[in-house]
Amino acid sequence: MKQAALIAATAATLMTVALASAPAAAAEKEKCFGIAKAGQNDCASTTGGHSCAGQAKVDMDKTEWKYVAAGTCKSMNGLTADEAKKLKS
């Protein structure tokens, strides 16, 4: 019986740690525009041409984005959301 309780407590602890770290992992990413290859974008285009991931039609479209590690977008020659919006207008 003690072994079952120990296993249950360990599992509960691991689940708590995993759930607590999820927001931190999301905070370490940023949207990077103009780096997605055709069919590899992460979500909707800025023009409203589509609303789902994987629907980019051409490589490196400035209206398409991917999540990248925070601080790495510029090294990939990508644009921030504000820069992409300025190109659109």
PDB file of N, CA and C in Angstrom:
ATOM      1  N   MET A   1       0.813  -1.185   0.000  1.00  0.00           N
ATOM      2  CA  MET A   1       0.000   0.000   0.000  1.00  0.00           C
ATOM      3  C   MET A   1       0.860   1.254   0.000  1.00  0.00           C
ATOM      4  N   LYS A   2       1.958   1.244   0.743  1.00  0.00           N
ATOM      5  CA  LYS A   2       2.829   2.420   0.790  1.00  0.00           C
ATOM      6  C   LYS A   2       3.427   2.704  -0.579  1.00  0.00           C
ATOM      7  N   GLN A   3       3.741   1.655  -1.321  1.00  0.00           N
ATOM      8  CA  GLN A   3       4.327   1.850  -2.653  1.00  0.00           C
ATOM      9  C   GLN A   3       3.321   2.523  -3.589  1.00  0.00           C
ATOM     10  N   ALA A   4       2.077   2.143  -3.537  1.00  0.00           N
ATOM     11  CA  ALA A   4       1.051   2.745  -4.385  1.00  0.00           C
ATOM     12  C   ALA A   4       0.872   4.219  -4.034  1.00  0.00           C
ATOM     13  N   ALA A   5       0.903   4.545  -2.763  1.00  0.00           N
ATOM     14  CA  ALA A   5       0.774   5.940  -2.330  1.00  0.00           C
ATOM     15  C   ALA A   5       1.972   6.752  -2.796  1.00  0.00           C
ATOM     16  N   LEU A   6       3.140   6.173  -2.724  1.00  0.00           N
ATOM     17  CA  LEU A   6       4.354   6.866  -3.177  1.00  0.00           C
ATOM     18  C   LEU A   6       4.302   7.127  -4.681  1.00  0.00           C
ATOM     19  N   ILE A   7       3.855   6.149  -5.432  1.00  0.00           N
ATOM     20  CA  ILE A   7       3.748   6.315  -6.885  1.00  0.00           C
ATOM     21  C   ILE A   7       2.719   7.395  -7.220  1.00  0.00           C
ATOM     22  N   ALA A   8       1.591   7.391  -6.537  1.00  0.00           N
ATOM     23  CA  ALA A   8       0.556   8.395  -6.775  1.00  0.00           C
ATOM     24  C   ALA A   8       1.065   9.794  -6.435  1.00  0.00           C
ATOM     25  N   ALA A   9       1.786   9.926  -5.314  1.00  0.00           N
ATOM     26  CA  ALA A   9       2.321  11.229  -4.917  1.00  0.00           C
ATOM     27  C   ALA A   9       3.361  11.716  -5.915  1.00  0.00           C
ATOM     28  N   THR A  10       4.201  10.826  -6.399  1.00  0.00           N
ATOM     29  CA  THR A  10       5.218  11.180  -7.385  1.00  0.00           C
ATOM     30  C   THR A  10       4.561  11.641  -8.691  1.00  0.00           C
ATOM     31  N   ALA A  11       3.543  10.913  -9.124  1.00  0.00           N
ATOM     32  CA  ALA A  11       2.841  11.284 -10.356  1.00  0.00           C
ATOM     33  C   ALA A  11       2.173  12.648 -10.214  1.00  0.00           C
ATOM     34  N   ALA A  12       1.565  12.895  -9.073  1.00  0.00           N
ATOM     35  CA  ALA A  12       0.906  14.189  -8.842  1.00  0.00           C
ATOM     36  C   ALA A  12       1.926  15.325  -8.849  1.00  0.00           C
ATOM     37  N   THR A  13       3.077  15.101  -8.255  1.00  0.00           N
ATOM     38  CA  THR A  13       4.135  16.114  -8.232  1.00  0.00           C
ATOM     39  C   THR A  13       4.629  16.417  -9.643  1.00  0.00           C
ATOM     40  N   LEU A  14       4.863  15.384 -10.417  1.00  0.00           N
ATOM     41  CA  LEU A  14       5.335  15.572 -11.790  1.00  0.00           C
ATOM     42  C   LEU A  14       4.314  16.326 -12.633  1.00  0.00           C
ATOM     43  N   MET A  15       3.039  16.021 -12.468  1.00  0.00           N
ATOM     44  CA  MET A  15       2.002  16.717 -13.230  1.00  0.00           C
ATOM     45  C   MET A  15       1.938  18.193 -12.838  1.00  0.00           C
ATOM     46  N   THR A  16       2.090  18.471 -11.552  1.00  0.00           N
ATOM     47  CA  THR A  16       2.065  19.853 -11.081  1.00  0.00           C
ATOM     48  C   THR A  16       3.226  20.642 -11.657  1.00  0.00           C
ATOM     49  N   VAL A  17       4.402  20.061 -11.654  1.00  0.00           N
ATOM     50  CA  VAL A  17       5.584  20.729 -12.205  1.00  0.00           C
ATOM     51  C   VAL A  17       5.409  20.970 -13.702  1.00  0.00           C
ATOM     52  N   ALA A  18       4.902  19.986 -14.419  1.00  0.00           N
ATOM     53  CA  ALA A  18       4.698  20.132 -15.870  1.00  0.00           C
ATOM     54  C   ALA A  18       3.701  21.240 -16.180  1.00  0.00           C
ATOM     55  N   LEU A  19       2.620  21.289 -15.446  1.00  0.00           N
ATOM     56  CA  LEU A  19       1.610  22.321 -15.685  1.00  0.00           C
ATOM     57  C   LEU A  19       2.102  23.700 -15.297  1.00  0.00           C
ATOM     58  N   ALA A  20       2.898  23.788 -14.256  1.00  0.00           N
ATOM     59  CA  ALA A  20       3.414  25.084 -13.814  1.00  0.00           C
ATOM     60  C   ALA A  20       4.449  25.636 -14.783  1.00  0.00           C
ATOM     61  N   SER A  21       5.177  24.773 -15.472  1.00  0.00           N
ATOM     62  CA  SER A  21       6.225  25.244 -16.379  1.00  0.00           C
ATOM     63  C   SER A  21       5.693  25.567 -17.770  1.00  0.00           C
ATOM     64  N   ALA A  22       4.481  25.177 -18.112  1.00  0.00           N
ATOM     65  CA  ALA A  22       3.931  25.437 -19.441  1.00  0.00           C
ATOM     66  C   ALA A  22       3.864  26.932 -19.767  1.00  0.00           C
ATOM     67  N   PRO A  23       3.367  27.801 -18.890  1.00  0.00           N
ATOM     68  CA  PRO A  23       3.348  29.227 -19.230  1.00  0.00           C
ATOM     69  C   PRO A  23       4.745  29.801 -19.424  1.00  0.00           C
ATOM     70  N   ALA A  24       5.721  29.316 -18.674  1.00  0.00           N
ATOM     71  CA  ALA A  24       7.086  29.807 -18.829  1.00  0.00           C
ATOM     72  C   ALA A  24       7.633  29.442 -20.209  1.00  0.00           C
ATOM     73  N   ALA A  25       7.331  28.249 -20.676  1.00  0.00           N
ATOM     74  CA  ALA A  25       7.801  27.838 -22.003  1.00  0.00           C
ATOM     75  C   ALA A  25       7.175  28.702 -23.087  1.00  0.00           C
ATOM     76  N   ALA A  26       5.903  29.034 -22.943  1.00  0.00           N
ATOM     77  CA  ALA A  26       5.238  29.875 -23.933  1.00  0.00           C
ATOM     78  C   ALA A  26       5.832  31.282 -23.940  1.00  0.00           C
ATOM     79  N   ALA A  27       6.250  31.766 -22.794  1.00  0.00           N
ATOM     80  CA  ALA A  27       6.809  33.107 -22.697  1.00  0.00           C
ATOM     81  C   ALA A  27       8.180  33.203 -23.368  1.00  0.00           C
ATOM     82  N   GLU A  28       8.815  32.082 -23.600  1.00  0.00           N
ATOM     83  CA  GLU A  28      10.139  32.080 -24.203  1.00  0.00           C
ATOM     84  C   GLU A  28      10.086  32.037 -25.728  1.00  0.00           C
ATOM     85  N   LYS A  29       8.916  32.214 -26.305  1.00  0.00           N
ATOM     86  CA  LYS A  29       8.746  32.194 -27.757  1.00  0.00           C
ATOM     87  C   LYS A  29       8.237  33.549 -28.233  1.00  0.00           C
ATOM     88  N   GLU A  30       8.467  33.826 -29.501  1.00  0.00           N
ATOM     89  CA  GLU A  30       7.941  35.042 -30.109  1.00  0.00           C
ATOM     90  C   GLU A  30       7.540  34.742 -31.542  1.00  0.00           C
ATOM     91  N   LYS A  31       6.598  35.531 -32.056  1.00  0.00           N
ATOM     92  CA  LYS A  31       6.199  35.399 -33.453  1.00  0.00           C
ATOM     93  C   LYS A  31       7.274  36.038 -34.317  1.00  0.00           C
ATOM     94  N   CYS A  32       7.650  35.333 -35.371  1.00  0.00           N
ATOM     95  CA  CYS A  32       8.645  35.846 -36.298  1.00  0.00           C
ATOM     96  C   CYS A  32       8.052  35.761 -37.706  1.00  0.00           C
ATOM     97  N   PHE A  33       7.897  36.906 -38.341  1.00  0.00           N
ATOM     98  CA  PHE A  33       7.264  37.006 -39.654  1.00  0.00           C
ATOM     99  C   PHE A  33       8.300  36.938 -40.765  1.00  0.00           C
ATOM    100  N   GLY A  34       7.910  36.300 -41.869  1.00  0.00           N
ATOM    101  CA  GLY A  34       8.764  36.275 -43.048  1.00  0.00           C
ATOM    102  C   GLY A  34       9.799  35.163 -43.063  1.00  0.00           C
ATOM    103  N   ILE A  35       9.673  34.181 -42.191  1.00  0.00           N
ATOM    104  CA  ILE A  35      10.650  33.085 -42.179  1.00  0.00           C
ATOM    105  C   ILE A  35      10.032  31.728 -42.478  1.00  0.00           C
ATOM    106  N   ALA A  36       8.694  31.660 -42.497  1.00  0.00           N
ATOM    107  CA  ALA A  36       8.011  30.374 -42.686  1.00  0.00           C
ATOM    108  C   ALA A  36       8.094  29.917 -44.138  1.00  0.00           C
ATOM    109  N   LYS A  37       8.356  28.651 -44.314  1.00  0.00           N
ATOM    110  CA  LYS A  37       8.312  28.064 -45.658  1.00  0.00           C
ATOM    111  C   LYS A  37       6.859  27.733 -45.988  1.00  0.00           C
ATOM    112  N   ALA A  38       6.559  27.561 -47.254  1.00  0.00           N
ATOM    113  CA  ALA A  38       5.201  27.239 -47.685  1.00  0.00           C
ATOM    114  C   ALA A  38       4.691  26.022 -46.923  1.00  0.00           C
ATOM    115  N   GLY A  39       3.502  26.165 -46.352  1.00  0.00           N
ATOM    116  CA  GLY A  39       2.889  25.069 -45.615  1.00  0.00           C
ATOM    117  C   GLY A  39       3.418  24.858 -44.215  1.00  0.00           C
ATOM    118  N   GLN A  40       4.313  25.745 -43.732  1.00  0.00           N
ATOM    119  CA  GLN A  40       4.903  25.548 -42.416  1.00  0.00           C
ATOM    120  C   GLN A  40       4.686  26.724 -41.471  1.00  0.00           C
ATOM    121  N   ASN A  41       3.716  27.574 -41.764  1.00  0.00           N
ATOM    122  CA  ASN A  41       3.410  28.687 -40.866  1.00  0.00           C
ATOM    123  C   ASN A  41       2.694  28.154 -39.623  1.00  0.00           C
ATOM    124  N   ASP A  42       2.726  28.936 -38.534  1.00  0.00           N
ATOM    125  CA  ASP A  42       2.112  28.476 -37.293  1.00  0.00           C
ATOM    126  C   ASP A  42       0.656  28.881 -37.128  1.00  0.00           C
ATOM    127  N   CYS A  43       0.192  29.899 -37.780  1.00  0.00           N
ATOM    128  CA  CYS A  43      -1.229  30.262 -37.649  1.00  0.00           C
ATOM    129  C   CYS A  43      -1.623  31.259 -38.740  1.00  0.00           C
ATOM    130  N   ALA A  44      -2.673  32.021 -38.491  1.00  0.00           N
ATOM    131  CA  ALA A  44      -3.283  32.905 -39.488  1.00  0.00           C
ATOM    132  C   ALA A  44      -2.309  33.929 -40.065  1.00  0.00           C
ATOM    133  N   SER A  45      -2.560  34.310 -41.302  1.00  0.00           N
ATOM    134  CA  SER A  45      -1.764  35.370 -41.926  1.00  0.00           C
ATOM    135  C   SER A  45      -2.270  36.725 -41.449  1.00  0.00           C
ATOM    136  N   THR A  46      -1.437  37.734 -41.553  1.00  0.00           N
ATOM    137  CA  THR A  46      -1.847  39.072 -41.122  1.00  0.00           C
ATOM    138  C   THR A  46      -2.859  39.691 -42.068  1.00  0.00           C
ATOM    139  N   THR A  47      -2.952  39.175 -43.286  1.00  0.00           N
ATOM    140  CA  THR A  47      -3.903  39.732 -44.260  1.00  0.00           C
ATOM    141  C   THR A  47      -5.287  39.122 -44.142  1.00  0.00           C
ATOM    142  N   GLY A  48      -5.424  38.062 -43.354  1.00  0.00           N
ATOM    143  CA  GLY A  48      -6.712  37.393 -43.229  1.00  0.00           C
ATOM    144  C   GLY A  48      -6.997  36.429 -44.367  1.00  0.00           C
ATOM    145  N   GLY A  49      -5.987  36.109 -45.146  1.00  0.00           N
ATOM    146  CA  GLY A  49      -6.155  35.189 -46.269  1.00  0.00           C
ATOM    147  C   GLY A  49      -6.499  33.777 -45.824  1.00  0.00           C
ATOM    148  N   HIS A  50      -6.123  33.410 -44.624  1.00  0.00           N
ATOM    149  CA  HIS A  50      -6.467  32.114 -44.031  1.00  0.00           C
ATOM    150  C   HIS A  50      -6.330  32.240 -42.522  1.00  0.00           C
ATOM    151  N   SER A  51      -6.855  31.269 -41.818  1.00  0.00           N
ATOM    152  CA  SER A  51      -6.834  31.349 -40.354  1.00  0.00           C
ATOM    153  C   SER A  51      -6.215  30.140 -39.684  1.00  0.00           C
ATOM    154  N   CYS A  52      -5.476  29.342 -40.427  1.00  0.00           N
ATOM    155  CA  CYS A  52      -4.942  28.115 -39.839  1.00  0.00           C
ATOM    156  C   CYS A  52      -3.456  27.911 -40.138  1.00  0.00           C
ATOM    157  N   ALA A  53      -2.851  27.090 -39.299  1.00  0.00           N
ATOM    158  CA  ALA A  53      -1.450  26.714 -39.498  1.00  0.00           C
ATOM    159  C   ALA A  53      -1.314  25.857 -40.752  1.00  0.00           C
ATOM    160  N   GLY A  54      -0.151  25.935 -41.378  1.00  0.00           N
ATOM    161  CA  GLY A  54       0.146  25.088 -42.523  1.00  0.00           C
ATOM    162  C   GLY A  54      -0.481  25.513 -43.830  1.00  0.00           C
ATOM    163  N   GLN A  55      -0.979  26.743 -43.909  1.00  0.00           N
ATOM    164  CA  GLN A  55      -1.637  27.178 -45.140  1.00  0.00           C
ATOM    165  C   GLN A  55      -0.876  28.246 -45.907  1.00  0.00           C
ATOM    166  N   ALA A  56       0.354  28.540 -45.519  1.00  0.00           N
ATOM    167  CA  ALA A  56       1.160  29.504 -46.271  1.00  0.00           C
ATOM    168  C   ALA A  56       1.391  28.961 -47.682  1.00  0.00           C
ATOM    169  N   LYS A  57       1.243  29.823 -48.665  1.00  0.00           N
ATOM    170  CA  LYS A  57       1.352  29.396 -50.066  1.00  0.00           C
ATOM    171  C   LYS A  57       2.768  29.507 -50.632  1.00  0.00           C
ATOM    172  N   VAL A  58       3.576  30.445 -50.103  1.00  0.00           N
ATOM    173  CA  VAL A  58       4.926  30.652 -50.618  1.00  0.00           C
ATOM    174  C   VAL A  58       5.924  30.740 -49.461  1.00  0.00           C
ATOM    175  N   ASP A  59       7.173  30.482 -49.757  1.00  0.00           N
ATOM    176  CA  ASP A  59       8.241  30.605 -48.765  1.00  0.00           C
ATOM    177  C   ASP A  59       8.472  32.074 -48.413  1.00  0.00           C
ATOM    178  N   MET A  60       8.756  32.325 -47.161  1.00  0.00           N
ATOM    179  CA  MET A  60       9.208  33.620 -46.635  1.00  0.00           C
ATOM    180  C   MET A  60       8.230  34.768 -46.871  1.00  0.00           C
ATOM    181  N   ASP A  61       6.946  34.484 -46.896  1.00  0.00           N
ATOM    182  CA  ASP A  61       5.925  35.524 -47.043  1.00  0.00           C
ATOM    183  C   ASP A  61       5.932  36.384 -45.780  1.00  0.00           C
ATOM    184  N   LYS A  62       6.010  37.694 -45.942  1.00  0.00           N
ATOM    185  CA  LYS A  62       6.096  38.614 -44.798  1.00  0.00           C
ATOM    186  C   LYS A  62       4.818  38.660 -43.968  1.00  0.00           C
ATOM    187  N   THR A  63       3.716  38.096 -44.475  1.00  0.00           N
ATOM    188  CA  THR A  63       2.464  38.075 -43.716  1.00  0.00           C
ATOM    189  C   THR A  63       2.279  36.775 -42.935  1.00  0.00           C
ATOM    190  N   GLU A  64       3.194  35.842 -43.098  1.00  0.00           N
ATOM    191  CA  GLU A  64       3.128  34.541 -42.413  1.00  0.00           C
ATOM    192  C   GLU A  64       4.168  34.493 -41.307  1.00  0.00           C
ATOM    193  N   TRP A  65       3.869  33.749 -40.245  1.00  0.00           N
ATOM    194  CA  TRP A  65       4.795  33.708 -39.112  1.00  0.00           C
ATOM    195  C   TRP A  65       4.938  32.314 -38.528  1.00  0.00           C
ATOM    196  N   LYS A  66       6.007  32.172 -37.761  1.00  0.00           N
ATOM    197  CA  LYS A  66       6.282  30.964 -36.981  1.00  0.00           C
ATOM    198  C   LYS A  66       6.717  31.408 -35.594  1.00  0.00           C
ATOM    199  N   TYR A  67       6.451  30.565 -34.591  1.00  0.00           N
ATOM    200  CA  TYR A  67       7.006  30.812 -33.266  1.00  0.00           C
ATOM    201  C   TYR A  67       8.465  30.394 -33.277  1.00  0.00           C
ATOM    202  N   VAL A  68       9.306  31.250 -32.714  1.00  0.00           N
ATOM    203  CA  VAL A  68      10.729  30.941 -32.574  1.00  0.00           C
ATOM    204  C   VAL A  68      11.154  31.276 -31.151  1.00  0.00           C
ATOM    205  N   ALA A  69      12.303  30.810 -30.761  1.00  0.00           N
ATOM    206  CA  ALA A  69      12.827  31.139 -29.440  1.00  0.00           C
ATOM    207  C   ALA A  69      13.006  32.648 -29.333  1.00  0.00           C
ATOM    208  N   ALA A  70      12.610  33.192 -28.200  1.00  0.00           N
ATOM    209  CA  ALA A  70      12.706  34.641 -27.989  1.00  0.00           C
ATOM    210  C   ALA A  70      14.121  35.129 -28.244  1.00  0.00           C
ATOM    211  N   GLY A  71      14.219  36.215 -28.995  1.00  0.00           N
ATOM    212  CA  GLY A  71      15.516  36.816 -29.282  1.00  0.00           C
ATOM    213  C   GLY A  71      16.231  36.271 -30.501  1.00  0.00           C
ATOM    214  N   THR A  72      15.623  35.320 -31.218  1.00  0.00           N
ATOM    215  CA  THR A  72      16.303  34.718 -32.374  1.00  0.00           C
ATOM    216  C   THR A  72      15.747  35.168 -33.721  1.00  0.00           C
ATOM    217  N   CYS A  73      14.635  35.873 -33.727  1.00  0.00           N
ATOM    218  CA  CYS A  73      13.975  36.239 -34.984  1.00  0.00           C
ATOM    219  C   CYS A  73      14.884  37.079 -35.885  1.00  0.00           C
ATOM    220  N   LYS A  74      15.510  38.067 -35.342  1.00  0.00           N
ATOM    221  CA  LYS A  74      16.354  38.964 -36.153  1.00  0.00           C
ATOM    222  C   LYS A  74      17.523  38.220 -36.788  1.00  0.00           C
ATOM    223  N   SER A  75      18.073  37.235 -36.067  1.00  0.00           N
ATOM    224  CA  SER A  75      19.203  36.488 -36.626  1.00  0.00           C
ATOM    225  C   SER A  75      18.768  35.608 -37.800  1.00  0.00           C
ATOM    226  N   MET A  76      17.454  35.381 -37.935  1.00  0.00           N
ATOM    227  CA  MET A  76      16.919  34.611 -39.059  1.00  0.00           C
ATOM    228  C   MET A  76      16.382  35.525 -40.149  1.00  0.00           C
ATOM    229  N   ASN A  77      16.686  36.824 -40.041  1.00  0.00           N
ATOM    230  CA  ASN A  77      16.210  37.833 -40.982  1.00  0.00           C
ATOM    231  C   ASN A  77      14.686  37.962 -40.981  1.00  0.00           C
ATOM    232  N   GLY A  78      14.084  37.714 -39.822  1.00  0.00           N
ATOM    233  CA  GLY A  78      12.637  37.831 -39.694  1.00  0.00           C
ATOM    234  C   GLY A  78      12.220  39.209 -39.223  1.00  0.00           C
ATOM    235  N   LEU A  79      10.910  39.403 -39.190  1.00  0.00           N
ATOM    236  CA  LEU A  79      10.317  40.670 -38.769  1.00  0.00           C
ATOM    237  C   LEU A  79       9.494  40.469 -37.509  1.00  0.00           C
ATOM    238  N   THR A  80       9.421  41.498 -36.679  1.00  0.00           N
ATOM    239  CA  THR A  80       8.513  41.475 -35.534  1.00  0.00           C
ATOM    240  C   THR A  80       7.096  41.715 -36.043  1.00  0.00           C
ATOM    241  N   ALA A  81       6.108  41.526 -35.171  1.00  0.00           N
ATOM    242  CA  ALA A  81       4.710  41.766 -35.554  1.00  0.00           C
ATOM    243  C   ALA A  81       4.503  43.216 -35.970  1.00  0.00           C
ATOM    244  N   ASP A  82       5.104  44.146 -35.241  1.00  0.00           N
ATOM    245  CA  ASP A  82       4.958  45.573 -35.587  1.00  0.00           C
ATOM    246  C   ASP A  82       5.564  45.888 -36.958  1.00  0.00           C
ATOM    247  N   GLU A  83       6.718  45.319 -37.241  1.00  0.00           N
ATOM    248  CA  GLU A  83       7.355  45.542 -38.547  1.00  0.00           C
ATOM    249  C   GLU A  83       6.514  44.958 -39.671  1.00  0.00           C
ATOM    250  N   ALA A  84       5.949  43.787 -39.458  1.00  0.00           N
ATOM    251  CA  ALA A  84       5.116  43.154 -40.484  1.00  0.00           C
ATOM    252  C   ALA A  84       3.853  43.967 -40.735  1.00  0.00           C
ATOM    253  N   LYS A  85       3.263  44.522 -39.671  1.00  0.00           N
ATOM    254  CA  LYS A  85       2.067  45.335 -39.833  1.00  0.00           C
ATOM    255  C   LYS A  85       2.367  46.611 -40.622  1.00  0.00           C
ATOM    256  N   LYS A  86       3.537  47.194 -40.421  1.00  0.00           N
ATOM    257  CA  LYS A  86       3.903  48.407 -41.161  1.00  0.00           C
ATOM    258  C   LYS A  86       4.029  48.126 -42.652  1.00  0.00           C
ATOM    259  N   LEU A  87       4.530  46.956 -43.006  1.00  0.00           N
ATOM    260  CA  LEU A  87       4.651  46.591 -44.425  1.00  0.00           C
ATOM    261  C   LEU A  87       3.291  46.424 -45.067  1.00  0.00           C
ATOM    262  N   LYS A  88       2.338  45.987 -44.278  1.00  0.00           N
ATOM    263  CA  LYS A  88       0.989  45.721 -44.780  1.00  0.00           C
ATOM    264  C   LYS A  88       0.258  46.999 -45.138  1.00  0.00           C
ATOM    265  N   SER A  89       0.507  48.075 -44.374  1.00  0.00           N
ATOM    266  CA  SER A  89      -0.234  49.323 -44.613  1.00  0.00           C
ATOM    267  C   SER A  89       0.414  50.224 -45.624  1.00  0.00           C
TER     268      SER A  89
END
